[in-house]
């Protein structure tokens, strides 16, 4: 909500949030009141498909959370976002490698 209405107590909307994304989020997330049952998809374009659209969206300023958008804004992670947004196979391969690594941690009991 802070990204939409009171970002950094200075701006009305987070300047890194794409205008079309802000408009889309204002419908289910009105400024007045708080509704804990409202949910917003982390990937606005293909929320039910496992793909690299999340990374493509970050390049367009459409990260849902500040931490999401920060991945593209940070020079340490921007190259990874660029690479995976350009080639979905790279994203899938990296995802598989991370799951294999996590499965080996703590006897494979990660959640």
Foldseek 3Di string as FASTA:
>chain_A
DCQQQQPVVPDGHNPLAAPVLSVVVCVQPPPPDDDVVDDDAQQNPCRPDPWLSNLVCLVVSHGPDPVSVVLCVDPVRVVVSVVCNVPRVVVVVVVVVVLVVCCPPPVRPDD
